């Protein structure tokens, strides 16, 4: 039932590498793919314009 040391080391390395890549992608994603909503359609601005009228 025990995992061999070499298999455990490979699993740990793969898990750490995958986690590190996901973390980097999560931080870099907004820079690579900005939000498609234009600034003119923000909810706060819409409410402010309605209250001004």
PDB file of N, CA and C in Angstrom:
ATOM      1  N   UNK A   1       0.800  -1.203   0.000  1.00  0.00           N
ATOM      2  CA  UNK A   1       0.000   0.000   0.000  1.00  0.00           C
ATOM      3  C   UNK A   1       0.843   1.268   0.000  1.00  0.00           C
ATOM      4  N   UNK A   2       2.126   1.116   0.226  1.00  0.00           N
ATOM      5  CA  UNK A   2       2.978   2.298   0.258  1.00  0.00           C
ATOM      6  C   UNK A   2       3.429   2.676  -1.149  1.00  0.00           C
ATOM      7  N   UNK A   3       3.668   3.980  -1.348  1.00  0.00           N
ATOM      8  CA  UNK A   3       4.158   4.478  -2.634  1.00  0.00           C
ATOM      9  C   UNK A   3       5.686   4.505  -2.571  1.00  0.00           C
ATOM     10  N   UNK A   4       6.314   4.051  -3.649  1.00  0.00           N
ATOM     11  CA  UNK A   4       7.775   4.068  -3.677  1.00  0.00           C
ATOM     12  C   UNK A   4       8.273   5.510  -3.616  1.00  0.00           C
ATOM     13  N   UNK A   5       9.480   5.683  -3.117  1.00  0.00           N
ATOM     14  CA  UNK A   5      10.041   7.021  -2.931  1.00  0.00           C
ATOM     15  C   UNK A   5      10.171   7.770  -4.251  1.00  0.00           C
ATOM     16  N   UNK A   6      10.583   7.108  -5.311  1.00  0.00           N
ATOM     17  CA  UNK A   6      10.750   7.766  -6.610  1.00  0.00           C
ATOM     18  C   UNK A   6       9.406   8.238  -7.155  1.00  0.00           C
ATOM     19  N   UNK A   7       8.381   7.413  -7.016  1.00  0.00           N
ATOM     20  CA  UNK A   7       7.040   7.787  -7.479  1.00  0.00           C
ATOM     21  C   UNK A   7       6.510   8.953  -6.670  1.00  0.00           C
ATOM     22  N   UNK A   8       6.722   8.933  -5.371  1.00  0.00           N
ATOM     23  CA  UNK A   8       6.270  10.016  -4.499  1.00  0.00           C
ATOM     24  C   UNK A   8       6.976  11.315  -4.858  1.00  0.00           C
ATOM     25  N   UNK A   9       8.280  11.236  -5.162  1.00  0.00           N
ATOM     26  CA  UNK A   9       9.040  12.430  -5.530  1.00  0.00           C
ATOM     27  C   UNK A   9       8.519  13.005  -6.842  1.00  0.00           C
ATOM     28  N   UNK A  10       8.266  12.153  -7.828  1.00  0.00           N
ATOM     29  CA  UNK A  10       7.726  12.629  -9.111  1.00  0.00           C
ATOM     30  C   UNK A  10       6.354  13.267  -8.936  1.00  0.00           C
ATOM     31  N   UNK A  11       5.512  12.659  -8.117  1.00  0.00           N
ATOM     32  CA  UNK A  11       4.183  13.205  -7.867  1.00  0.00           C
ATOM     33  C   UNK A  11       4.277  14.565  -7.187  1.00  0.00           C
ATOM     34  N   UNK A  12       5.133  14.685  -6.191  1.00  0.00           N
ATOM     35  CA  UNK A  12       5.297  15.950  -5.478  1.00  0.00           C
ATOM     36  C   UNK A  12       5.831  17.036  -6.406  1.00  0.00           C
ATOM     37  N   UNK A  13       6.798  16.695  -7.232  1.00  0.00           N
ATOM     38  CA  UNK A  13       7.354  17.659  -8.179  1.00  0.00           C
ATOM     39  C   UNK A  13       6.299  18.111  -9.185  1.00  0.00           C
ATOM     40  N   UNK A  14       5.546  17.174  -9.711  1.00  0.00           N
ATOM     41  CA  UNK A  14       4.490  17.511 -10.663  1.00  0.00           C
ATOM     42  C   UNK A  14       3.417  18.389 -10.023  1.00  0.00           C
ATOM     43  N   UNK A  15       3.027  18.054  -8.818  1.00  0.00           N
ATOM     44  CA  UNK A  15       2.015  18.831  -8.107  1.00  0.00           C
ATOM     45  C   UNK A  15       2.507  20.252  -7.842  1.00  0.00           C
ATOM     46  N   UNK A  16       3.744  20.399  -7.391  1.00  0.00           N
ATOM     47  CA  UNK A  16       4.309  21.721  -7.118  1.00  0.00           C
ATOM     48  C   UNK A  16       4.414  22.535  -8.402  1.00  0.00           C
ATOM     49  N   UNK A  17       4.888  21.920  -9.480  1.00  0.00           N
ATOM     50  CA  UNK A  17       5.042  22.628 -10.752  1.00  0.00           C
ATOM     51  C   UNK A  17       3.691  23.080 -11.286  1.00  0.00           C
ATOM     52  N   UNK A  18       2.700  22.214 -11.231  1.00  0.00           N
ATOM     53  CA  UNK A  18       1.361  22.567 -11.696  1.00  0.00           C
ATOM     54  C   UNK A  18       0.785  23.718 -10.881  1.00  0.00           C
ATOM     55  N   UNK A  19       0.945  23.654  -9.576  1.00  0.00           N
ATOM     56  CA  UNK A  19       0.449  24.719  -8.707  1.00  0.00           C
ATOM     57  C   UNK A  19       1.141  26.046  -9.004  1.00  0.00           C
ATOM     58  N   UNK A  20       2.447  26.003  -9.208  1.00  0.00           N
ATOM     59  CA  UNK A  20       3.192  27.230  -9.509  1.00  0.00           C
ATOM     60  C   UNK A  20       2.754  27.830 -10.847  1.00  0.00           C
ATOM     61  N   UNK A  21       2.554  26.992 -11.864  1.00  0.00           N
ATOM     62  CA  UNK A  21       2.119  27.488 -13.173  1.00  0.00           C
ATOM     63  C   UNK A  21       0.716  28.079 -13.106  1.00  0.00           C
ATOM     64  N   UNK A  22      -0.169  27.443 -12.373  1.00  0.00           N
ATOM     65  CA  UNK A  22      -1.522  27.979 -12.227  1.00  0.00           C
ATOM     66  C   UNK A  22      -1.493  29.319 -11.499  1.00  0.00           C
ATOM     67  N   UNK A  23      -0.657  29.439 -10.478  1.00  0.00           N
ATOM     68  CA  UNK A  23      -0.543  30.703  -9.748  1.00  0.00           C
ATOM     69  C   UNK A  23      -0.024  31.815 -10.654  1.00  0.00           C
ATOM     70  N   UNK A  24       0.988  31.529 -11.449  1.00  0.00           N
ATOM     71  CA  UNK A  24       1.541  32.535 -12.359  1.00  0.00           C
ATOM     72  C   UNK A  24       0.496  32.921 -13.404  1.00  0.00           C
ATOM     73  N   UNK A  25      -0.221  31.949 -13.953  1.00  0.00           N
ATOM     74  CA  UNK A  25      -1.241  32.246 -14.949  1.00  0.00           C
ATOM     75  C   UNK A  25      -2.358  33.093 -14.350  1.00  0.00           C
ATOM     76  N   UNK A  26      -2.750  32.804 -13.102  1.00  0.00           N
ATOM     77  CA  UNK A  26      -3.810  33.560 -12.447  1.00  0.00           C
ATOM     78  C   UNK A  26      -3.423  35.020 -12.286  1.00  0.00           C
ATOM     79  N   UNK A  27      -2.176  35.278 -11.959  1.00  0.00           N
ATOM     80  CA  UNK A  27      -1.715  36.652 -11.792  1.00  0.00           C
ATOM     81  C   UNK A  27      -1.534  37.334 -13.143  1.00  0.00           C
ATOM     82  N   UNK A  28      -1.073  36.607 -14.160  1.00  0.00           N
ATOM     83  CA  UNK A  28      -0.789  37.204 -15.468  1.00  0.00           C
ATOM     84  C   UNK A  28      -2.025  37.324 -16.351  1.00  0.00           C
ATOM     85  N   UNK A  29      -3.070  36.567 -16.085  1.00  0.00           N
ATOM     86  CA  UNK A  29      -4.252  36.540 -16.958  1.00  0.00           C
ATOM     87  C   UNK A  29      -4.881  37.912 -17.184  1.00  0.00           C
ATOM     88  N   UNK A  30      -5.073  38.749 -16.168  1.00  0.00           N
ATOM     89  CA  UNK A  30      -5.671  40.053 -16.430  1.00  0.00           C
ATOM     90  C   UNK A  30      -4.813  40.945 -17.335  1.00  0.00           C
ATOM     91  N   UNK A  31      -3.513  40.747 -17.329  1.00  0.00           N
ATOM     92  CA  UNK A  31      -2.639  41.533 -18.198  1.00  0.00           C
ATOM     93  C   UNK A  31      -2.722  41.050 -19.642  1.00  0.00           C
ATOM     94  N   UNK A  32      -2.910  39.747 -19.815  1.00  0.00           N
ATOM     95  CA  UNK A  32      -2.964  39.169 -21.154  1.00  0.00           C
ATOM     96  C   UNK A  32      -4.348  39.292 -21.775  1.00  0.00           C
ATOM     97  N   UNK A  33      -5.379  39.148 -20.964  1.00  0.00           N
ATOM     98  CA  UNK A  33      -6.761  39.202 -21.449  1.00  0.00           C
ATOM     99  C   UNK A  33      -7.548  40.199 -20.608  1.00  0.00           C
ATOM    100  N   UNK A  34      -7.511  41.483 -20.954  1.00  0.00           N
ATOM    101  CA  UNK A  34      -8.220  42.475 -20.139  1.00  0.00           C
ATOM    102  C   UNK A  34      -9.738  42.268 -20.202  1.00  0.00           C
ATOM    103  N   UNK A  35     -10.421  42.796 -19.262  1.00  0.00           N
ATOM    104  CA  UNK A  35     -11.876  42.674 -19.185  1.00  0.00           C
ATOM    105  C   UNK A  35     -12.507  43.324 -20.409  1.00  0.00           C
ATOM    106  N   UNK A  36     -13.436  42.643 -21.095  1.00  0.00           N
ATOM    107  CA  UNK A  36     -14.008  43.193 -22.315  1.00  0.00           C
ATOM    108  C   UNK A  36     -15.034  44.300 -22.083  1.00  0.00           C
ATOM    109  N   UNK A  37     -15.457  44.529 -20.851  1.00  0.00           N
ATOM    110  CA  UNK A  37     -16.448  45.566 -20.571  1.00  0.00           C
ATOM    111  C   UNK A  37     -15.775  46.920 -20.645  1.00  0.00           C
ATOM    112  N   UNK A  38     -16.376  47.833 -21.376  1.00  0.00           N
ATOM    113  CA  UNK A  38     -15.793  49.171 -21.489  1.00  0.00           C
ATOM    114  C   UNK A  38     -16.019  49.944 -20.194  1.00  0.00           C
ATOM    115  N   UNK A  39     -15.191  50.924 -19.952  1.00  0.00           N
ATOM    116  CA  UNK A  39     -15.296  51.701 -18.720  1.00  0.00           C
ATOM    117  C   UNK A  39     -16.585  52.512 -18.666  1.00  0.00           C
ATOM    118  N   UNK A  40     -17.161  52.834 -19.811  1.00  0.00           N
ATOM    119  CA  UNK A  40     -18.388  53.614 -19.841  1.00  0.00           C
ATOM    120  C   UNK A  40     -19.607  52.851 -19.368  1.00  0.00           C
ATOM    121  N   UNK A  41     -19.512  51.544 -19.230  1.00  0.00           N
ATOM    122  CA  UNK A  41     -20.656  50.741 -18.828  1.00  0.00           C
ATOM    123  C   UNK A  41     -20.569  50.239 -17.389  1.00  0.00           C
ATOM    124  N   UNK A  42     -19.740  50.849 -16.599  1.00  0.00           N
ATOM    125  CA  UNK A  42     -19.611  50.420 -15.207  1.00  0.00           C
ATOM    126  C   UNK A  42     -20.910  50.699 -14.451  1.00  0.00           C
ATOM    127  N   UNK A  43     -21.281  49.822 -13.554  1.00  0.00           N
ATOM    128  CA  UNK A  43     -22.540  49.964 -12.823  1.00  0.00           C
ATOM    129  C   UNK A  43     -22.588  51.238 -11.991  1.00  0.00           C
ATOM    130  N   UNK A  44     -21.498  51.610 -11.368  1.00  0.00           N
ATOM    131  CA  UNK A  44     -21.486  52.806 -10.531  1.00  0.00           C
ATOM    132  C   UNK A  44     -21.770  54.053 -11.350  1.00  0.00           C
ATOM    133  N   UNK A  45     -21.174  54.136 -12.524  1.00  0.00           N
ATOM    134  CA  UNK A  45     -21.373  55.316 -13.353  1.00  0.00           C
ATOM    135  C   UNK A  45     -22.817  55.410 -13.833  1.00  0.00           C
ATOM    136  N   UNK A  46     -23.417  54.273 -14.146  1.00  0.00           N
ATOM    137  CA  UNK A  46     -24.795  54.266 -14.620  1.00  0.00           C
ATOM    138  C   UNK A  46     -25.730  54.772 -13.519  1.00  0.00           C
ATOM    139  N   UNK A  47     -25.521  54.334 -12.294  1.00  0.00           N
ATOM    140  CA  UNK A  47     -26.360  54.784 -11.178  1.00  0.00           C
ATOM    141  C   UNK A  47     -26.173  56.271 -10.930  1.00  0.00           C
ATOM    142  N   UNK A  48     -24.947  56.753 -11.032  1.00  0.00           N
ATOM    143  CA  UNK A  48     -24.685  58.180 -10.820  1.00  0.00           C
ATOM    144  C   UNK A  48     -25.376  59.022 -11.880  1.00  0.00           C
ATOM    145  N   UNK A  49     -25.384  58.567 -13.135  1.00  0.00           N
ATOM    146  CA  UNK A  49     -26.035  59.309 -14.203  1.00  0.00           C
ATOM    147  C   UNK A  49     -27.542  59.336 -14.005  1.00  0.00           C
ATOM    148  N   UNK A  50     -28.140  58.217 -13.550  1.00  0.00           N
ATOM    149  CA  UNK A  50     -29.574  58.173 -13.320  1.00  0.00           C
ATOM    150  C   UNK A  50     -29.971  59.093 -12.174  1.00  0.00           C
ATOM    151  N   UNK A  51     -29.148  59.185 -11.134  1.00  0.00           N
ATOM    152  CA  UNK A  51     -29.467  60.031 -10.005  1.00  0.00           C
ATOM    153  C   UNK A  51     -29.326  61.511 -10.371  1.00  0.00           C
ATOM    154  N   UNK A  52     -28.426  61.818 -11.285  1.00  0.00           N
ATOM    155  CA  UNK A  52     -28.221  63.202 -11.703  1.00  0.00           C
ATOM    156  C   UNK A  52     -29.402  63.729 -12.501  1.00  0.00           C
ATOM    157  N   UNK A  53     -30.128  62.848 -13.171  1.00  0.00           N
ATOM    158  CA  UNK A  53     -31.249  63.278 -14.002  1.00  0.00           C
ATOM    159  C   UNK A  53     -32.430  63.573 -13.192  1.00  0.00           C
TER     160      UNK A  53
END
